[in-house]
Amino acid sequence: MLPYDRLTDLPEASPARTLGHPAAIDIWWWAFTEGQTDWGKVRSALSQREQERAAAFRFDRDATGFMAGRYLQRSILSHYTGDAAEDLNIAAGEHGKPYLAGETALAFNLSNTNGLAVLAVSRACTAVGVDAEMRSATLEAGAAQLICSTAEFATLSMLQGAERQALLLAFWTLKESFLKATGHGLAVEPHRLTVRVDPVSRAIRVEHDLPGDRDNWCHRLLLSPSGHMIAVCAQSDRTGLVFRQQSLPDPIFRF
């Protein structure tokens, strides 16, 4: 297993201190429950286009996951910008990476999956990416060849069962968070990236042949109380980058 931290062991990003740390990346998360949430109230906080996208999903589970993520994103970004949640102009880049139109100093990224929405946000980073997956997720047998580099596949071939699945899922979430941070998304095949761990510092790094700056990247693997694996990727020239976390306890949450 790659080195990881428990999400709740990170220092808290309380509302009063959210803007006060010059080198922080904050991870906001909502472990939502489909049957215990007023999704009508959540839906009403979304933009018209977001509501239309939610309505277009075939399955209720996918619709609620989408709404949870967009609600978390609007609620938290509203606090960072000082603008009303409904007034935020959240646009998408070439490969779908979201950004705030007119706001260049705020880096953020969203992931939503079954039962969990996660938003990574920072003013200390030039780019951030986040991906979350259920730890119990089982990837198909052929997925390893699509996800893993040659070196990773060799390591994976020595493992079996749950240990093999856990490492494969970690490779996937780390690579997904990195490709979301760079803005490439799945336009780049994951097997072109190689996840390695520094033998001394135990820091995770992602080696790649993509154009652009390869320096100042930081990767963290986290385990949430809700049973999810979370990978966070950040690029920053700040020293002493601090990862913090806070949960969204209620869909009517207000700062």
Protein backbone atom coordinates (compact mmCIF):
# COMPACT_ATOMS: atom_id res chain seq x y z
CA MET A 1 0.00 0.00 0.00
CA LEU A 2 1.22 3.51 -0.76
CA PRO A 3 1.72 5.87 2.21
CA TYR A 4 -1.53 7.47 3.29
CA ASP A 5 -3.04 9.61 6.04
CA ARG A 6 -6.44 9.49 7.64
CA LEU A 7 -8.44 12.45 6.43
CA THR A 8 -9.65 13.40 9.89
CA ASP A 9 -6.08 13.45 11.24
CA LEU A 10 -5.39 16.58 9.20
CA PRO A 11 -5.79 19.96 10.95
CA GLU A 12 -9.20 21.51 10.62
CA ALA A 13 -9.99 24.23 8.10
CA SER A 14 -12.54 26.07 10.20
CA PRO A 15 -14.50 28.92 8.58
CA ALA A 16 -12.74 31.48 10.79
CA ARG A 17 -9.31 30.33 9.62
CA THR A 18 -10.02 29.40 6.01
CA LEU A 19 -8.52 32.57 4.52
CA GLY A 20 -5.83 33.09 7.14
CA HIS A 21 -3.14 30.58 6.15
CA PRO A 22 -0.88 31.70 3.27
CA ALA A 23 0.22 28.19 2.28
CA ALA A 24 -2.84 25.99 2.81
CA ILE A 25 -4.83 23.66 0.63
CA ASP A 26 -8.21 22.93 2.17
CA ILE A 27 -10.16 19.74 1.57
CA TRP A 28 -13.89 20.14 2.14
CA TRP A 29 -15.97 16.98 2.13
CA TRP A 30 -19.57 15.93 2.50
CA ALA A 31 -20.43 12.31 3.32
CA PHE A 32 -24.04 12.58 2.22
CA THR A 33 -26.86 10.09 2.73
CA GLU A 34 -29.41 9.79 -0.06
CA GLY A 35 -32.34 8.98 2.20
CA GLN A 36 -31.65 11.61 4.88
CA THR A 37 -31.15 14.72 2.74
CA ASP A 38 -33.70 17.17 1.38
CA TRP A 39 -32.55 17.05 -2.22
CA GLY A 40 -35.17 19.59 -3.21
CA LYS A 41 -33.37 22.19 -1.09
CA VAL A 42 -30.02 21.11 -2.46
CA ARG A 43 -31.28 21.33 -6.04
CA SER A 44 -32.66 24.82 -5.50
CA ALA A 45 -29.15 26.07 -4.61
CA LEU A 46 -27.78 25.02 -8.00
CA SER A 47 -27.72 27.00 -11.23
CA GLN A 48 -30.43 26.34 -13.82
CA ARG A 49 -27.96 24.50 -16.03
CA GLU A 50 -26.83 22.33 -13.12
CA GLN A 51 -30.43 21.49 -12.27
CA GLU A 52 -31.04 20.47 -15.88
CA ARG A 53 -27.95 18.25 -15.87
CA ALA A 54 -29.09 16.60 -12.63
CA ALA A 55 -32.50 15.89 -14.13
CA ALA A 56 -30.92 14.25 -17.17
CA PHE A 57 -29.30 11.41 -15.20
CA ARG A 58 -30.97 8.04 -15.70
CA PHE A 59 -30.36 6.80 -12.17
CA ASP A 60 -31.22 8.65 -8.94
CA ARG A 61 -27.88 7.69 -7.39
CA ASP A 62 -25.97 9.48 -10.14
CA ALA A 63 -28.21 12.54 -9.88
CA THR A 64 -27.78 12.86 -6.12
CA GLY A 65 -24.00 12.47 -6.41
CA PHE A 66 -23.89 15.22 -9.02
CA MET A 67 -26.07 17.55 -6.94
CA ALA A 68 -24.05 16.91 -3.79
CA GLY A 69 -20.83 17.83 -5.55
CA ARG A 70 -22.19 20.98 -7.15
CA TYR A 71 -23.82 22.06 -3.90
CA LEU A 72 -20.56 21.59 -1.98
CA GLN A 73 -18.64 23.45 -4.67
CA ARG A 74 -20.96 26.47 -4.72
CA SER A 75 -21.28 26.63 -0.92
CA ILE A 76 -17.54 26.61 -0.26
CA LEU A 77 -16.44 28.81 -3.18
CA SER A 78 -19.01 31.37 -2.09
CA HIS A 79 -17.19 31.69 1.21
CA TYR A 80 -13.78 32.04 -0.44
CA THR A 81 -14.90 34.67 -2.94
CA GLY A 82 -17.50 36.54 -0.88
CA ASP A 83 -20.00 36.17 -3.73
CA ALA A 84 -23.42 34.59 -3.41
CA ALA A 85 -23.39 30.91 -4.36
CA GLU A 86 -25.97 31.43 -7.10
CA ASP A 87 -23.89 34.25 -8.64
CA LEU A 88 -20.72 32.22 -9.13
CA ASN A 89 -19.81 31.82 -12.79
CA ILE A 90 -18.26 28.37 -12.82
CA ALA A 91 -17.00 27.53 -16.31
CA ALA A 92 -15.15 24.54 -17.78
CA GLY A 93 -11.89 24.33 -19.71
CA GLU A 94 -11.04 22.27 -22.78
CA HIS A 95 -11.16 18.91 -21.00
CA GLY A 96 -13.81 19.87 -18.47
CA LYS A 97 -11.62 21.30 -15.69
CA PRO A 98 -13.73 23.86 -13.77
CA TYR A 99 -12.63 27.41 -13.07
CA LEU A 100 -14.20 30.62 -11.83
CA ALA A 101 -14.59 33.13 -14.63
CA GLY A 102 -12.82 36.34 -13.66
CA GLU A 103 -11.05 34.73 -10.68
CA THR A 104 -7.44 33.74 -11.32
CA ALA A 105 -6.04 33.44 -7.79
CA LEU A 106 -8.26 30.60 -6.59
CA ALA A 107 -7.44 27.00 -7.56
CA PHE A 108 -10.04 24.32 -6.90
CA ASN A 109 -11.21 20.91 -8.04
CA LEU A 110 -14.19 18.68 -7.31
CA SER A 111 -14.82 14.96 -7.09
CA ASN A 112 -18.10 13.24 -6.33
CA THR A 113 -18.77 9.54 -6.02
CA ASN A 114 -21.17 7.23 -4.19
CA GLY A 115 -21.81 8.81 -0.79
CA LEU A 116 -19.04 11.42 -0.88
CA ALA A 117 -18.35 14.82 -2.44
CA VAL A 118 -14.88 16.38 -2.04
CA LEU A 119 -13.64 19.86 -2.95
CA ALA A 120 -9.97 20.87 -2.79
CA VAL A 121 -9.43 24.65 -2.81
CA SER A 122 -6.41 26.90 -2.33
CA ARG A 123 -5.02 30.38 -2.94
CA ALA A 124 -1.49 29.02 -2.42
CA CYS A 125 -1.53 26.67 -5.41
CA THR A 126 -1.42 27.25 -9.14
CA ALA A 127 -3.30 23.98 -9.74
CA VAL A 128 -5.12 21.38 -7.66
CA GLY A 129 -6.81 18.10 -8.45
CA VAL A 130 -8.82 15.66 -6.37
CA ASP A 131 -10.31 12.23 -6.96
CA ALA A 132 -12.32 10.01 -4.61
CA GLU A 133 -13.30 6.36 -4.97
CA MET A 134 -14.95 3.80 -2.72
CA ARG A 135 -12.28 1.61 -1.13
CA SER A 136 -14.54 -1.38 -1.74
CA ALA A 137 -14.61 -0.69 -5.49
CA THR A 138 -13.45 -3.63 -7.60
CA LEU A 139 -11.71 -2.73 -10.84
CA GLU A 140 -12.12 -5.11 -13.77
CA ALA A 141 -9.37 -7.61 -14.50
CA GLY A 142 -8.19 -5.79 -17.62
CA ALA A 143 -8.09 -2.37 -15.94
CA ALA A 144 -4.52 -2.80 -14.71
CA GLN A 145 -3.13 -2.78 -18.25
CA LEU A 146 -4.93 0.49 -18.98
CA ILE A 147 -4.02 2.17 -15.70
CA CYS A 148 -0.50 0.96 -14.94
CA SER A 149 2.89 1.72 -16.40
CA THR A 150 5.27 -1.17 -17.03
CA ALA A 151 6.96 -0.68 -13.64
CA GLU A 152 3.64 -0.48 -11.79
CA PHE A 153 2.29 -3.56 -13.54
CA ALA A 154 5.37 -5.51 -12.46
CA THR A 155 4.78 -4.52 -8.84
CA LEU A 156 1.08 -5.31 -9.08
CA SER A 157 1.75 -8.77 -10.55
CA MET A 158 3.42 -9.80 -7.27
CA LEU A 159 0.24 -9.11 -5.27
CA GLN A 160 -3.10 -10.86 -5.01
CA GLY A 161 -6.61 -10.27 -3.75
CA ALA A 162 -7.46 -7.25 -1.63
CA GLU A 163 -3.86 -6.01 -1.49
CA ARG A 164 -3.66 -5.95 -5.29
CA GLN A 165 -7.01 -4.19 -5.60
CA ALA A 166 -6.03 -1.57 -3.02
CA LEU A 167 -2.79 -0.70 -4.80
CA LEU A 168 -4.48 -0.56 -8.21
CA LEU A 169 -7.16 1.75 -6.82
CA ALA A 170 -4.47 3.97 -5.28
CA PHE A 171 -2.65 4.20 -8.63
CA TRP A 172 -5.93 5.14 -10.31
CA THR A 173 -6.99 7.84 -7.84
CA LEU A 174 -3.51 9.42 -7.76
CA LYS A 175 -3.29 9.55 -11.53
CA GLU A 176 -6.83 10.83 -11.89
CA SER A 177 -6.16 13.66 -9.42
CA PHE A 178 -2.96 14.60 -11.26
CA LEU A 179 -4.60 14.63 -14.69
CA LYS A 180 -7.46 16.71 -13.32
CA ALA A 181 -4.97 19.17 -11.83
CA THR A 182 -3.08 19.56 -15.12
CA GLY A 183 -6.33 19.90 -17.05
CA HIS A 184 -5.59 16.94 -19.33
CA GLY A 185 -8.23 14.64 -17.88
CA LEU A 186 -8.52 11.26 -19.55
CA ALA A 187 -7.28 12.73 -22.83
CA VAL A 188 -3.99 11.28 -21.52
CA GLU A 189 -3.75 7.53 -21.00
CA PRO A 190 -3.05 6.75 -17.32
CA HIS A 191 -0.39 4.18 -18.20
CA ARG A 192 1.84 7.04 -19.38
CA LEU A 193 2.23 8.07 -15.74
CA THR A 194 4.22 6.23 -13.08
CA VAL A 195 3.56 6.60 -9.36
CA ARG A 196 6.67 6.29 -7.22
CA VAL A 197 7.54 6.80 -3.56
CA ASP A 198 10.73 8.48 -2.39
CA PRO A 199 12.57 5.85 -0.31
CA VAL A 200 13.75 8.43 2.25
CA SER A 201 10.97 11.02 2.61
CA ARG A 202 8.17 8.60 1.64
CA ALA A 203 6.74 11.39 -0.49
CA ILE A 204 4.59 10.30 -3.43
CA ARG A 205 5.50 11.59 -6.87
CA VAL A 206 4.04 11.07 -10.34
CA GLU A 207 6.51 10.73 -13.19
CA HIS A 208 5.30 11.63 -16.68
CA ASP A 209 6.30 12.71 -20.18
CA LEU A 210 3.69 15.45 -20.51
CA PRO A 211 4.64 18.98 -21.59
CA GLY A 212 4.72 21.68 -18.93
CA ASP A 213 6.25 22.30 -15.54
CA ARG A 214 7.23 19.13 -13.67
CA ASP A 215 8.29 20.87 -10.47
CA ASN A 216 6.58 21.75 -7.22
CA TRP A 217 3.96 18.99 -7.30
CA CYS A 218 2.70 17.50 -4.05
CA HIS A 219 0.56 14.35 -3.79
CA ARG A 220 -1.37 13.03 -0.80
CA LEU A 221 -3.39 9.87 -0.38
CA LEU A 222 -6.12 10.02 2.27
CA LEU A 223 -8.65 7.62 3.77
CA SER A 224 -12.02 9.03 4.82
CA PRO A 225 -14.33 7.85 7.63
CA SER A 226 -16.96 7.11 4.97
CA GLY A 227 -14.81 4.36 3.45
CA HIS A 228 -13.40 6.30 0.50
CA MET A 229 -9.89 6.69 -0.84
CA ILE A 230 -9.06 10.31 -1.72
CA ALA A 231 -6.08 11.49 -3.77
CA VAL A 232 -5.15 15.18 -3.74
CA CYS A 233 -2.62 16.73 -6.09
CA ALA A 234 -1.34 20.30 -5.79
CA GLN A 235 1.24 22.45 -7.53
CA SER A 236 2.67 25.31 -5.50
CA ASP A 237 5.90 27.26 -5.16
CA ARG A 238 5.11 27.86 -1.48
CA THR A 239 7.21 26.02 1.06
CA GLY A 240 5.55 24.24 3.94
CA LEU A 241 2.26 23.62 2.13
CA VAL A 242 -0.32 22.58 4.73
CA PHE A 243 -3.20 20.22 3.97
CA ARG A 244 -6.32 20.86 6.07
CA GLN A 245 -9.82 19.38 6.09
CA GLN A 246 -13.36 20.11 7.14
CA SER A 247 -16.65 18.29 6.64
CA LEU A 248 -19.93 19.76 5.52
CA PRO A 249 -22.27 18.49 8.24
CA ASP A 250 -25.60 19.54 6.80
CA PRO A 251 -27.01 20.50 3.38
CA ILE A 252 -28.30 23.74 4.88
CA PHE A 253 -24.78 24.50 6.17
CA ARG A 254 -23.99 28.18 6.65
CA PHE A 255 -20.75 29.83 7.80
